Every structure is written in C-alpha cells, then in structure tokens.
PDB file of N, CA and C in Angstrom:
ATOM      1  N   MET A   1      28.223   5.757  -6.127  1.00  0.00           N
ATOM      2  CA  MET A   1      27.661   6.119  -4.962  1.00  0.00           C
ATOM      3  C   MET A   1      28.305   5.107  -4.085  1.00  0.00           C
ATOM      4  N   PRO A   2      29.228   6.032  -3.157  1.00  0.00           N
ATOM      5  CA  PRO A   2      29.617   4.914  -1.914  1.00  0.00           C
ATOM      6  C   PRO A   2      28.731   3.495  -1.360  1.00  0.00           C
ATOM      7  N   GLU A   3      29.643   2.374  -1.177  1.00  0.00           N
ATOM      8  CA  GLU A   3      29.292   1.600  -0.792  1.00  0.00           C
ATOM      9  C   GLU A   3      27.965   1.564   0.786  1.00  0.00           C
ATOM     10  N   ASP A   4      28.305   2.595   1.590  1.00  0.00           N
ATOM     11  CA  ASP A   4      27.404   2.414   2.567  1.00  0.00           C
ATOM     12  C   ASP A   4      26.343   3.426   2.446  1.00  0.00           C
ATOM     13  N   GLU A   5      26.135   4.392   1.374  1.00  0.00           N
ATOM     14  CA  GLU A   5      25.272   4.950   0.565  1.00  0.00           C
ATOM     15  C   GLU A   5      24.232   3.875  -0.142  1.00  0.00           C
ATOM     16  N   VAL A   6      25.119   2.792  -0.961  1.00  0.00           N
ATOM     17  CA  VAL A   6      24.025   2.440  -1.846  1.00  0.00           C
ATOM     18  C   VAL A   6      23.341   1.265  -0.391  1.00  0.00           C
ATOM     19  N   MET A   7      23.745   0.560   0.259  1.00  0.00           N
ATOM     20  CA  MET A   7      23.319  -0.273   1.587  1.00  0.00           C
ATOM     21  C   MET A   7      21.833   0.803   2.168  1.00  0.00           C
ATOM     22  N   ALA A   8      22.401   1.937   2.292  1.00  0.00           N
ATOM     23  CA  ALA A   8      21.080   2.483   2.804  1.00  0.00           C
ATOM     24  C   ALA A   8      20.178   2.762   1.858  1.00  0.00           C
ATOM     25  N   PHE A   9      20.480   3.114   0.652  1.00  0.00           N
ATOM     26  CA  PHE A   9      19.294   3.157  -0.262  1.00  0.00           C
ATOM     27  C   PHE A   9      18.428   2.224  -0.808  1.00  0.00           C
ATOM     28  N   GLU A  10      19.274   0.687  -0.700  1.00  0.00           N
ATOM     29  CA  GLU A  10      18.463  -0.255  -0.673  1.00  0.00           C
ATOM     30  C   GLU A  10      17.425  -0.701   0.625  1.00  0.00           C
ATOM     31  N   GLU A  11      18.117  -0.358   1.436  1.00  0.00           N
ATOM     32  CA  GLU A  11      17.150  -0.688   2.814  1.00  0.00           C
ATOM     33  C   GLU A  11      15.972   0.162   2.745  1.00  0.00           C
ATOM     34  N   GLU A  12      16.228   1.166   2.424  1.00  0.00           N
ATOM     35  CA  GLU A  12      14.823   2.061   2.075  1.00  0.00           C
ATOM     36  C   GLU A  12      13.955   1.812   1.324  1.00  0.00           C
ATOM     37  N   ILE A  13      14.435   1.036  -0.113  1.00  0.00           N
ATOM     38  CA  ILE A  13      14.097   0.533  -1.276  1.00  0.00           C
ATOM     39  C   ILE A  13      12.776  -0.460  -0.476  1.00  0.00           C
ATOM     40  N   MET A  14      13.740  -1.386   0.414  1.00  0.00           N
ATOM     41  CA  MET A  14      13.042  -2.967   0.800  1.00  0.00           C
ATOM     42  C   MET A  14      12.142  -2.326   1.848  1.00  0.00           C
ATOM     43  N   LEU A  15      12.218  -1.111   2.642  1.00  0.00           N
ATOM     44  CA  LEU A  15      10.983  -0.832   3.621  1.00  0.00           C
ATOM     45  C   LEU A  15      10.165  -0.345   3.067  1.00  0.00           C
ATOM     46  N   LEU A  16      10.060   0.219   1.745  1.00  0.00           N
ATOM     47  CA  LEU A  16       8.609   0.876   0.625  1.00  0.00           C
ATOM     48  C   LEU A  16       8.191  -0.476   0.210  1.00  0.00           C
ATOM     49  N   LEU A  17       8.946  -1.713   0.087  1.00  0.00           N
ATOM     50  CA  LEU A  17       8.254  -3.082  -0.633  1.00  0.00           C
ATOM     51  C   LEU A  17       7.692  -3.801   0.621  1.00  0.00           C
ATOM     52  N   VAL A  18       7.718  -3.367   1.784  1.00  0.00           N
ATOM     53  CA  VAL A  18       7.664  -4.345   2.790  1.00  0.00           C
ATOM     54  C   VAL A  18       6.336  -3.252   3.129  1.00  0.00           C
ATOM     55  N   GLN A  19       6.286  -2.182   3.060  1.00  0.00           N
ATOM     56  CA  GLN A  19       5.309  -1.566   3.587  1.00  0.00           C
ATOM     57  C   GLN A  19       3.997  -1.509   2.544  1.00  0.00           C
ATOM     58  N   ALA A  20       4.349  -1.707   1.463  1.00  0.00           N
ATOM     59  CA  ALA A  20       3.602  -1.928   0.281  1.00  0.00           C
ATOM     60  C   ALA A  20       2.799  -2.890   0.252  1.00  0.00           C
ATOM     61  N   GLY A  21       3.759  -4.108   0.337  1.00  0.00           N
ATOM     62  CA  GLY A  21       3.128  -5.549   0.383  1.00  0.00           C
ATOM     63  C   GLY A  21       2.212  -5.939   1.717  1.00  0.00           C
ATOM     64  N   ALA A  22       2.304  -5.517   2.535  1.00  0.00           N
ATOM     65  CA  ALA A  22       1.562  -5.300   4.339  1.00  0.00           C
ATOM     66  C   ALA A  22       0.159  -4.822   3.742  1.00  0.00           C
ATOM     67  N   ALA A  23       0.064  -3.374   3.092  1.00  0.00           N
ATOM     68  CA  ALA A  23      -0.935  -2.669   2.604  1.00  0.00           C
ATOM     69  C   ALA A  23      -1.882  -3.492   1.627  1.00  0.00           C
ATOM     70  N   ARG A  24      -1.448  -3.828   0.652  1.00  0.00           N
ATOM     71  CA  ARG A  24      -2.035  -4.998  -0.092  1.00  0.00           C
ATOM     72  C   ARG A  24      -2.357  -6.169   0.711  1.00  0.00           C
ATOM     73  N   SER A  25      -2.019  -6.857   1.158  1.00  0.00           N
ATOM     74  CA  SER A  25      -2.153  -7.704   1.958  1.00  0.00           C
ATOM     75  C   SER A  25      -3.550  -7.687   2.937  1.00  0.00           C
ATOM     76  N   ALA A  26      -3.154  -6.243   3.491  1.00  0.00           N
ATOM     77  CA  ALA A  26      -4.387  -5.969   4.686  1.00  0.00           C
ATOM     78  C   ALA A  26      -5.660  -5.729   3.802  1.00  0.00           C
ATOM     79  N   ALA A  27      -5.635  -5.176   2.426  1.00  0.00           N
ATOM     80  CA  ALA A  27      -6.593  -4.664   1.744  1.00  0.00           C
ATOM     81  C   ALA A  27      -7.457  -5.741   1.531  1.00  0.00           C
ATOM     82  N   LEU A  28      -6.470  -7.263   0.804  1.00  0.00           N
ATOM     83  CA  LEU A  28      -7.499  -8.217   0.236  1.00  0.00           C
ATOM     84  C   LEU A  28      -7.960  -8.803   1.717  1.00  0.00           C
ATOM     85  N   SER A  29      -7.320  -8.994   2.592  1.00  0.00           N
ATOM     86  CA  SER A  29      -8.013  -9.374   3.839  1.00  0.00           C
ATOM     87  C   SER A  29      -9.445  -8.703   4.144  1.00  0.00           C
ATOM     88  N   ALA A  30      -9.334  -7.313   3.789  1.00  0.00           N
ATOM     89  CA  ALA A  30     -10.746  -6.490   4.581  1.00  0.00           C
ATOM     90  C   ALA A  30     -11.860  -7.255   3.365  1.00  0.00           C
ATOM     91  N   LEU A  31     -11.290  -7.603   2.229  1.00  0.00           N
ATOM     92  CA  LEU A  31     -12.333  -7.749   0.916  1.00  0.00           C
ATOM     93  C   LEU A  31     -12.741  -9.363   1.646  1.00  0.00           C
ATOM     94  N   ARG A  32     -12.039 -10.117   1.679  1.00  0.00           N
ATOM     95  CA  ARG A  32     -12.467 -11.570   2.292  1.00  0.00           C
ATOM     96  C   ARG A  32     -13.264 -11.619   3.406  1.00  0.00           C
ATOM     97  N   LEU A  33     -13.141 -10.626   4.355  1.00  0.00           N
ATOM     98  CA  LEU A  33     -13.645 -10.527   5.769  1.00  0.00           C
ATOM     99  C   LEU A  33     -15.076  -9.721   4.835  1.00  0.00           C
ATOM    100  N   ALA A  34     -15.273  -8.515   4.500  1.00  0.00           N
ATOM    101  CA  ALA A  34     -16.611  -7.970   3.870  1.00  0.00           C
ATOM    102  C   ALA A  34     -17.718  -9.033   3.374  1.00  0.00           C
ATOM    103  N   ARG A  35     -16.784 -10.128   2.571  1.00  0.00           N
ATOM    104  CA  ARG A  35     -17.588 -11.107   1.814  1.00  0.00           C
ATOM    105  C   ARG A  35     -18.451 -11.901   2.551  1.00  0.00           C
ATOM    106  N   ALA A  36     -17.475 -12.202   3.638  1.00  0.00           N
ATOM    107  CA  ALA A  36     -18.229 -13.155   5.063  1.00  0.00           C
ATOM    108  C   ALA A  36     -19.133 -12.190   5.494  1.00  0.00           C
ATOM    109  N   GLY A  37     -19.419 -11.034   5.495  1.00  0.00           N
ATOM    110  CA  GLY A  37     -20.190 -10.017   6.402  1.00  0.00           C
ATOM    111  C   GLY A  37     -19.702  -9.663   7.504  1.00  0.00           C
ATOM    112  N   GLN A  38     -18.501  -9.685   7.809  1.00  0.00           N
ATOM    113  CA  GLN A  38     -17.427  -9.290   8.995  1.00  0.00           C
ATOM    114  C   GLN A  38     -17.009  -8.190   8.755  1.00  0.00           C
ATOM    115  N   PHE A  39     -18.236  -7.135   8.646  1.00  0.00           N
ATOM    116  CA  PHE A  39     -17.556  -5.804   8.403  1.00  0.00           C
ATOM    117  C   PHE A  39     -16.916  -4.934   9.553  1.00  0.00           C
ATOM    118  N   ALA A  40     -16.917  -5.095  10.504  1.00  0.00           N
ATOM    119  CA  ALA A  40     -15.988  -4.563  11.895  1.00  0.00           C
ATOM    120  C   ALA A  40     -14.233  -4.574  11.256  1.00  0.00           C
ATOM    121  N   ALA A  41     -14.160  -5.928  11.405  1.00  0.00           N
ATOM    122  CA  ALA A  41     -13.048  -6.710  11.032  1.00  0.00           C
ATOM    123  C   ALA A  41     -12.723  -6.104   9.541  1.00  0.00           C
ATOM    124  N   ALA A  42     -13.591  -5.905   8.601  1.00  0.00           N
ATOM    125  CA  ALA A  42     -13.179  -5.558   7.252  1.00  0.00           C
ATOM    126  C   ALA A  42     -12.154  -4.112   7.548  1.00  0.00           C
ATOM    127  N   GLU A  43     -13.067  -3.511   8.299  1.00  0.00           N
ATOM    128  CA  GLU A  43     -12.796  -1.959   8.658  1.00  0.00           C
ATOM    129  C   GLU A  43     -11.706  -2.096   9.517  1.00  0.00           C
ATOM    130  N   GLN A  44     -11.457  -2.624  10.133  1.00  0.00           N
ATOM    131  CA  GLN A  44      -9.968  -2.822  10.871  1.00  0.00           C
ATOM    132  C   GLN A  44      -8.721  -3.174  10.037  1.00  0.00           C
ATOM    133  N   GLN A  45      -9.102  -4.406   8.988  1.00  0.00           N
ATOM    134  CA  GLN A  45      -7.871  -4.045   7.821  1.00  0.00           C
ATOM    135  C   GLN A  45      -7.716  -3.453   7.070  1.00  0.00           C
ATOM    136  N   LEU A  46      -9.028  -2.379   6.617  1.00  0.00           N
ATOM    137  CA  LEU A  46      -9.042  -1.816   5.588  1.00  0.00           C
ATOM    138  C   LEU A  46      -7.839  -0.348   6.334  1.00  0.00           C
ATOM    139  N   ALA A  47      -8.539  -0.008   7.627  1.00  0.00           N
ATOM    140  CA  ALA A  47      -7.356   1.063   8.527  1.00  0.00           C
ATOM    141  C   ALA A  47      -5.919   0.518   8.352  1.00  0.00           C
ATOM    142  N   ALA A  48      -5.729  -0.725   8.492  1.00  0.00           N
ATOM    143  CA  ALA A  48      -4.310  -1.368   8.833  1.00  0.00           C
ATOM    144  C   ALA A  48      -3.396  -1.160   7.262  1.00  0.00           C
ATOM    145  N   ALA A  49      -4.559  -1.201   6.037  1.00  0.00           N
ATOM    146  CA  ALA A  49      -3.972  -0.973   4.824  1.00  0.00           C
ATOM    147  C   ALA A  49      -3.588   0.539   4.398  1.00  0.00           C
ATOM    148  N   ARG A  50      -4.522   1.242   5.051  1.00  0.00           N
ATOM    149  CA  ARG A  50      -3.771   2.745   5.350  1.00  0.00           C
ATOM    150  C   ARG A  50      -3.143   2.867   5.765  1.00  0.00           C
ATOM    151  N   GLU A  51      -2.506   2.482   6.735  1.00  0.00           N
ATOM    152  CA  GLU A  51      -1.717   2.969   7.615  1.00  0.00           C
ATOM    153  C   GLU A  51      -0.608   2.433   6.773  1.00  0.00           C
ATOM    154  N   SER A  52      -0.349   1.228   6.686  1.00  0.00           N
ATOM    155  CA  SER A  52       0.611   0.624   5.922  1.00  0.00           C
ATOM    156  C   SER A  52       1.166   1.425   4.708  1.00  0.00           C
ATOM    157  N   VAL A  53       0.189   1.810   3.843  1.00  0.00           N
ATOM    158  CA  VAL A  53       0.101   2.886   2.615  1.00  0.00           C
ATOM    159  C   VAL A  53       0.570   3.984   2.956  1.00  0.00           C
ATOM    160  N   HIS A  54       0.572   4.652   4.176  1.00  0.00           N
ATOM    161  CA  HIS A  54       1.050   5.672   5.134  1.00  0.00           C
ATOM    162  C   HIS A  54       2.531   5.936   5.027  1.00  0.00           C
ATOM    163  N   GLY A  55       3.060   4.576   5.689  1.00  0.00           N
ATOM    164  CA  GLY A  55       4.221   4.172   5.908  1.00  0.00           C
ATOM    165  C   GLY A  55       4.851   4.142   4.696  1.00  0.00           C
ATOM    166  N   ALA A  56       4.591   3.140   3.750  1.00  0.00           N
ATOM    167  CA  ALA A  56       5.486   3.271   2.247  1.00  0.00           C
ATOM    168  C   ALA A  56       5.481   4.830   1.671  1.00  0.00           C
ATOM    169  N   HIS A  57       4.395   6.020   1.871  1.00  0.00           N
ATOM    170  CA  HIS A  57       4.305   7.403   1.711  1.00  0.00           C
ATOM    171  C   HIS A  57       5.745   7.662   2.213  1.00  0.00           C
ATOM    172  N   ARG A  58       6.167   7.619   3.523  1.00  0.00           N
ATOM    173  CA  ARG A  58       6.934   7.813   4.221  1.00  0.00           C
ATOM    174  C   ARG A  58       8.103   7.343   3.916  1.00  0.00           C
ATOM    175  N   GLN A  59       8.189   5.960   3.320  1.00  0.00           N
ATOM    176  CA  GLN A  59       9.878   5.534   2.851  1.00  0.00           C
ATOM    177  C   GLN A  59       9.886   6.114   1.327  1.00  0.00           C
ATOM    178  N   GLN A  60       8.886   6.553   0.475  1.00  0.00           N
ATOM    179  CA  GLN A  60       8.986   7.049  -0.964  1.00  0.00           C
ATOM    180  C   GLN A  60       9.536   8.536  -0.738  1.00  0.00           C
ATOM    181  N   THR A  61       8.886   9.213   0.345  1.00  0.00           N
ATOM    182  CA  THR A  61       9.492  10.739   0.542  1.00  0.00           C
ATOM    183  C   THR A  61      11.006  10.854   1.270  1.00  0.00           C
ATOM    184  N   ALA A  62      11.232   9.478   1.610  1.00  0.00           N
ATOM    185  CA  ALA A  62      12.530   9.767   2.184  1.00  0.00           C
ATOM    186  C   ALA A  62      13.707   9.396   0.561  1.00  0.00           C
ATOM    187  N   LEU A  63      13.080   8.664  -0.116  1.00  0.00           N
ATOM    188  CA  LEU A  63      13.865   8.276  -0.927  1.00  0.00           C
ATOM    189  C   LEU A  63      13.903   9.563  -2.030  1.00  0.00           C
ATOM    190  N   ILE A  64      12.708  10.147  -2.337  1.00  0.00           N
ATOM    191  CA  ILE A  64      12.797  11.273  -3.044  1.00  0.00           C
ATOM    192  C   ILE A  64      13.777  12.434  -2.376  1.00  0.00           C
ATOM    193  N   GLY A  65      14.040  12.199  -0.877  1.00  0.00           N
ATOM    194  CA  GLY A  65      14.782  13.347  -0.702  1.00  0.00           C
ATOM    195  C   GLY A  65      16.260  13.022  -0.742  1.00  0.00           C
ATOM    196  N   LEU A  66      16.328  12.051  -0.674  1.00  0.00           N
ATOM    197  CA  LEU A  66      17.885  11.352  -1.004  1.00  0.00           C
ATOM    198  C   LEU A  66      18.181  11.760  -2.354  1.00  0.00           C
ATOM    199  N   ASP A  67      17.485  11.653  -3.309  1.00  0.00           N
ATOM    200  CA  ASP A  67      17.826  12.088  -4.872  1.00  0.00           C
ATOM    201  C   ASP A  67      17.671  13.559  -4.919  1.00  0.00           C
ATOM    202  N   GLU A  68      17.058  14.238  -3.922  1.00  0.00           N
ATOM    203  CA  GLU A  68      16.994  15.794  -4.169  1.00  0.00           C
ATOM    204  C   GLU A  68      16.494  16.292  -5.362  1.00  0.00           C
ATOM    205  N   GLY A  69      16.002  15.480  -6.200  1.00  0.00           N
ATOM    206  CA  GLY A  69      15.209  16.334  -8.064  1.00  0.00           C
ATOM    207  C   GLY A  69      16.368  16.129  -8.732  1.00  0.00           C
ATOM    208  N   SER A  70      17.528  15.576  -8.650  1.00  0.00           N
ATOM    209  CA  SER A  70      18.569  15.649  -9.484  1.00  0.00           C
ATOM    210  C   SER A  70      19.099  14.433 -10.072  1.00  0.00           C
ATOM    211  N   GLY A  71      18.662  13.083 -10.012  1.00  0.00           N
ATOM    212  CA  GLY A  71      18.874  11.706 -10.709  1.00  0.00           C
ATOM    213  C   GLY A  71      20.045  11.395 -10.242  1.00  0.00           C
ATOM    214  N   LYS A  72      20.395  11.497  -8.479  1.00  0.00           N
ATOM    215  CA  LYS A  72      20.992  11.303  -8.009  1.00  0.00           C
ATOM    216  C   LYS A  72      21.055   9.795  -7.463  1.00  0.00           C
ATOM    217  N   LEU A  73      20.052   9.248  -7.449  1.00  0.00           N
ATOM    218  CA  LEU A  73      20.267   8.016  -7.180  1.00  0.00           C
ATOM    219  C   LEU A  73      19.876   6.968  -8.553  1.00  0.00           C
ATOM    220  N   PRO A  74      20.408   6.077  -8.699  1.00  0.00           N
ATOM    221  CA  PRO A  74      19.949   5.053  -9.430  1.00  0.00           C
ATOM    222  C   PRO A  74      18.813   4.325  -9.952  1.00  0.00           C
ATOM    223  N   VAL A  75      18.238   4.469 -10.721  1.00  0.00           N
ATOM    224  CA  VAL A  75      16.802   3.715 -10.914  1.00  0.00           C
ATOM    225  C   VAL A  75      17.260   2.222 -11.463  1.00  0.00           C
ATOM    226  N   THR A  76      16.981   1.509 -10.433  1.00  0.00           N
ATOM    227  CA  THR A  76      17.143  -0.138 -10.038  1.00  0.00           C
ATOM    228  C   THR A  76      16.130  -0.853 -10.530  1.00  0.00           C
ATOM    229  N   LEU A  77      15.975  -2.000 -10.881  1.00  0.00           N
ATOM    230  CA  LEU A  77      14.646  -2.870 -11.012  1.00  0.00           C
ATOM    231  C   LEU A  77      13.934  -3.135  -9.826  1.00  0.00           C
ATOM    232  N   ILE A  78      14.858  -3.031  -8.512  1.00  0.00           N
ATOM    233  CA  ILE A  78      14.099  -3.000  -7.439  1.00  0.00           C
ATOM    234  C   ILE A  78      13.199  -1.809  -6.918  1.00  0.00           C
ATOM    235  N   LEU A  79      13.829  -0.734  -7.610  1.00  0.00           N
ATOM    236  CA  LEU A  79      13.373   0.238  -6.646  1.00  0.00           C
ATOM    237  C   LEU A  79      11.952   0.490  -7.879  1.00  0.00           C
ATOM    238  N   VAL A  80      11.904   0.086  -9.394  1.00  0.00           N
ATOM    239  CA  VAL A  80      10.710   0.243 -10.216  1.00  0.00           C
ATOM    240  C   VAL A  80       9.692  -1.115  -9.208  1.00  0.00           C
ATOM    241  N   HIS A  81      10.194  -2.071  -8.932  1.00  0.00           N
ATOM    242  CA  HIS A  81       9.472  -3.214  -8.551  1.00  0.00           C
ATOM    243  C   HIS A  81       8.783  -2.581  -7.387  1.00  0.00           C
ATOM    244  N   ALA A  82       9.271  -1.740  -6.256  1.00  0.00           N
ATOM    245  CA  ALA A  82       8.611  -1.404  -5.221  1.00  0.00           C
ATOM    246  C   ALA A  82       7.689  -0.249  -5.525  1.00  0.00           C
ATOM    247  N   GLN A  83       7.868   0.737  -6.474  1.00  0.00           N
ATOM    248  CA  GLN A  83       7.059   1.706  -6.802  1.00  0.00           C
ATOM    249  C   GLN A  83       5.634   1.350  -7.548  1.00  0.00           C
ATOM    250  N   ASP A  84       6.046   0.169  -8.525  1.00  0.00           N
ATOM    251  CA  ASP A  84       5.110  -0.585  -8.571  1.00  0.00           C
ATOM    252  C   ASP A  84       4.095  -1.643  -7.679  1.00  0.00           C
ATOM    253  N   HIS A  85       4.770  -2.067  -6.475  1.00  0.00           N
ATOM    254  CA  HIS A  85       3.929  -2.708  -5.359  1.00  0.00           C
ATOM    255  C   HIS A  85       2.748  -1.493  -4.816  1.00  0.00           C
ATOM    256  N   LEU A  86       4.054  -0.564  -4.438  1.00  0.00           N
ATOM    257  CA  LEU A  86       2.913   0.711  -4.082  1.00  0.00           C
ATOM    258  C   LEU A  86       1.693   0.983  -4.578  1.00  0.00           C
ATOM    259  N   MET A  87       1.950   1.055  -5.869  1.00  0.00           N
ATOM    260  CA  MET A  87       0.502   2.000  -6.776  1.00  0.00           C
ATOM    261  C   MET A  87      -0.283   0.739  -6.695  1.00  0.00           C
ATOM    262  N   ASN A  88      -0.027  -0.586  -6.850  1.00  0.00           N
ATOM    263  CA  ASN A  88      -0.873  -1.624  -6.668  1.00  0.00           C
ATOM    264  C   ASN A  88      -1.695  -1.284  -5.117  1.00  0.00           C
ATOM    265  N   ALA A  89      -1.076  -1.064  -4.249  1.00  0.00           N
ATOM    266  CA  ALA A  89      -1.343  -1.556  -3.072  1.00  0.00           C
ATOM    267  C   ALA A  89      -2.373  -0.191  -3.023  1.00  0.00           C
ATOM    268  N   MET A  90      -2.041   0.786  -3.709  1.00  0.00           N
ATOM    269  CA  MET A  90      -2.864   2.235  -3.427  1.00  0.00           C
ATOM    270  C   MET A  90      -4.162   1.466  -3.887  1.00  0.00           C
ATOM    271  N   LEU A  91      -4.086   1.005  -5.371  1.00  0.00           N
ATOM    272  CA  LEU A  91      -5.344   1.016  -6.378  1.00  0.00           C
ATOM    273  C   LEU A  91      -6.174   0.139  -4.981  1.00  0.00           C
ATOM    274  N   ILE A  92      -5.461  -1.232  -4.913  1.00  0.00           N
ATOM    275  CA  ILE A  92      -6.649  -2.365  -4.441  1.00  0.00           C
ATOM    276  C   ILE A  92      -7.087  -1.452  -3.143  1.00  0.00           C
ATOM    277  N   GLN A  93      -6.459  -0.722  -2.021  1.00  0.00           N
ATOM    278  CA  GLN A  93      -7.426  -0.108  -1.489  1.00  0.00           C
ATOM    279  C   GLN A  93      -7.751   0.713  -1.409  1.00  0.00           C
ATOM    280  N   ASP A  94      -7.758   1.407  -2.751  1.00  0.00           N
ATOM    281  CA  ASP A  94      -9.410   2.289  -2.869  1.00  0.00           C
ATOM    282  C   ASP A  94     -10.462   1.438  -3.352  1.00  0.00           C
ATOM    283  N   LEU A  95     -10.257   0.412  -4.078  1.00  0.00           N
ATOM    284  CA  LEU A  95     -11.035  -0.193  -4.334  1.00  0.00           C
ATOM    285  C   LEU A  95     -12.086  -1.358  -3.508  1.00  0.00           C
ATOM    286  N   ALA A  96     -10.862  -1.810  -2.699  1.00  0.00           N
ATOM    287  CA  ALA A  96     -11.662  -2.045  -1.460  1.00  0.00           C
ATOM    288  C   ALA A  96     -12.536  -1.630  -0.797  1.00  0.00           C
ATOM    289  N   GLY A  97     -12.651  -0.243  -0.348  1.00  0.00           N
ATOM    290  CA  GLY A  97     -13.455   0.347  -0.005  1.00  0.00           C
ATOM    291  C   GLY A  97     -14.431   0.760  -0.345  1.00  0.00           C
ATOM    292  N   GLU A  98     -14.656   0.724  -1.907  1.00  0.00           N
ATOM    293  CA  GLU A  98     -15.655   0.707  -2.751  1.00  0.00           C
ATOM    294  C   GLU A  98     -16.832  -1.085  -2.409  1.00  0.00           C
ATOM    295  N   ILE A  99     -15.828  -1.706  -3.166  1.00  0.00           N
ATOM    296  CA  ILE A  99     -16.451  -3.301  -2.742  1.00  0.00           C
ATOM    297  C   ILE A  99     -17.043  -3.541  -1.238  1.00  0.00           C
ATOM    298  N   ILE A 100     -16.090  -3.217  -0.451  1.00  0.00           N
ATOM    299  CA  ILE A 100     -17.242  -3.060   0.947  1.00  0.00           C
ATOM    300  C   ILE A 100     -18.133  -2.834   0.798  1.00  0.00           C
ATOM    301  N   GLU A 101     -17.965  -1.232   0.370  1.00  0.00           N
ATOM    302  CA  GLU A 101     -19.542  -0.778   0.766  1.00  0.00           C
ATOM    303  C   GLU A 101     -21.093  -1.335  -0.137  1.00  0.00           C
ATOM    304  N   LEU A 102     -20.445  -1.961  -1.117  1.00  0.00           N
ATOM    305  CA  LEU A 102     -21.389  -2.517  -2.153  1.00  0.00           C
ATOM    306  C   LEU A 102     -21.754  -3.721  -1.142  1.00  0.00           C
ATOM    307  N   TYR A 103     -20.886  -4.751  -0.635  1.00  0.00           N
ATOM    308  CA  TYR A 103     -21.269  -5.678   0.294  1.00  0.00           C
ATOM    309  C   TYR A 103     -21.942  -5.432   1.176  1.00  0.00           C
ATOM    310  N   ARG A 104     -21.527  -4.464   1.937  1.00  0.00           N
ATOM    311  CA  ARG A 104     -22.645  -3.613   3.281  1.00  0.00           C
ATOM    312  C   ARG A 104     -24.194  -3.747   2.633  1.00  0.00           C
ATOM    313  N   ARG A 105     -24.188  -2.750   1.592  1.00  0.00           N
ATOM    314  CA  ARG A 105     -25.245  -2.500   0.965  1.00  0.00           C
ATOM    315  C   ARG A 105     -26.394  -3.810   0.640  1.00  0.00           C
ATOM    316  N   THR A 106     -25.195  -4.540  -0.073  1.00  0.00           N
ATOM    317  CA  THR A 106     -25.934  -5.978  -0.281  1.00  0.00           C
ATOM    318  C   THR A 106     -27.047  -6.863   0.697  1.00  0.00           C
ATOM    319  N   ALA A 107     -25.737  -6.540   1.765  1.00  0.00           N
ATOM    320  CA  ALA A 107     -26.319  -7.318   2.894  1.00  0.00           C
ATOM    321  C   ALA A 107     -27.377  -6.819   3.876  1.00  0.00           C
ATOM    322  N   ALA A 108     -27.506  -5.246   3.660  1.00  0.00           N
ATOM    323  CA  ALA A 108     -28.525  -4.392   4.323  1.00  0.00           C
ATOM    324  C   ALA A 108     -29.572  -4.548   3.374  1.00  0.00           C
ATOM    325  N   GLY A 109     -29.927  -4.988   2.384  1.00  0.00           N
ATOM    326  CA  GLY A 109     -30.711  -4.990   1.433  1.00  0.00           C
ATOM    327  C   GLY A 109     -31.581  -4.063   0.780  1.00  0.00           C
ATOM    328  N   GLU A 110     -29.944  -3.055   0.325  1.00  0.00           N
ATOM    329  CA  GLU A 110     -30.334  -1.477  -0.259  1.00  0.00           C
ATOM    330  C   GLU A 110     -30.433  -1.844  -1.784  1.00  0.00           C
ATOM    331  N   THR A 111     -30.814  -1.524  -2.665  1.00  0.00           N
ATOM    332  CA  THR A 111     -30.884  -1.822  -3.733  1.00  0.00           C
ATOM    333  C   THR A 111     -30.332  -0.782  -5.087  1.00  0.00           C
ATOM    334  N   ASP A 112     -30.381   0.772  -4.331  1.00  0.00           N
ATOM    335  CA  ASP A 112     -29.757   1.864  -4.717  1.00  0.00           C
ATOM    336  C   ASP A 112     -28.561   1.934  -4.531  1.00  0.00           C
ATOM    337  N   ALA A 113     -27.623   2.512  -5.380  1.00  0.00           N
ATOM    338  CA  ALA A 113     -26.230   2.593  -5.094  1.00  0.00           C
ATOM    339  C   ALA A 113     -26.291   3.860  -4.538  1.00  0.00           C
TER     340      ALA A 113
END
C-alpha cells in the first residue's frame, strides 16, 4: 500500500475511534444525568451518543468501501481497537436507553416495568 494510502487509511481509523469515543462518553453522561433526575438533559446526551455512533458508522462504511470486500486493507491493531470501541459504544448506548427508562419509572413511582 503506498504511503499516501496508508495515511488516509489511518486517518479514517482515527476518525472512527474519535466518533466511537464521543458516543461512549455521551451515553455515560446521559446515565449520570438520569441518575440525578435530569431526564431532559439525559435525553440530549443520548441523542448526542446516537449522532456520534452514526458518524462512526459512516467512517466504518468508508473503510469497508476502501477494502472492497477483498482484503485490500491491512487489519492492524488500531483498526481492531477502533472496531472494539464502536461495538462498546453501541452497547453502552443501548443499555443507557434502557437504564434511563428505569430511572424515569422509578422517579415516577411506577412499580411495573
């Protein structure tokens, strides 16, 4: 792979990593806000997490396009690390939505889930 292509590849990976990290941070922030009873702010943070995951998916799609399904791109430790961060961010986002709903119901005094 030529040097300029390697640099472009690494930039795409770093963008994926940044977006995934932002999604994770926003989802965890949403959980802290919900625990404090600040549900509107929690929903805003959860929306920010979704937006960051969407951005990470765009980066992931760009990488898949570069590879063209033929193994053109090297599987590096940083690529695996970025994919791991994205997977964790998506999981935290999903769980945060469920936990925030539980906090909301608890705050409202609901006993049935």
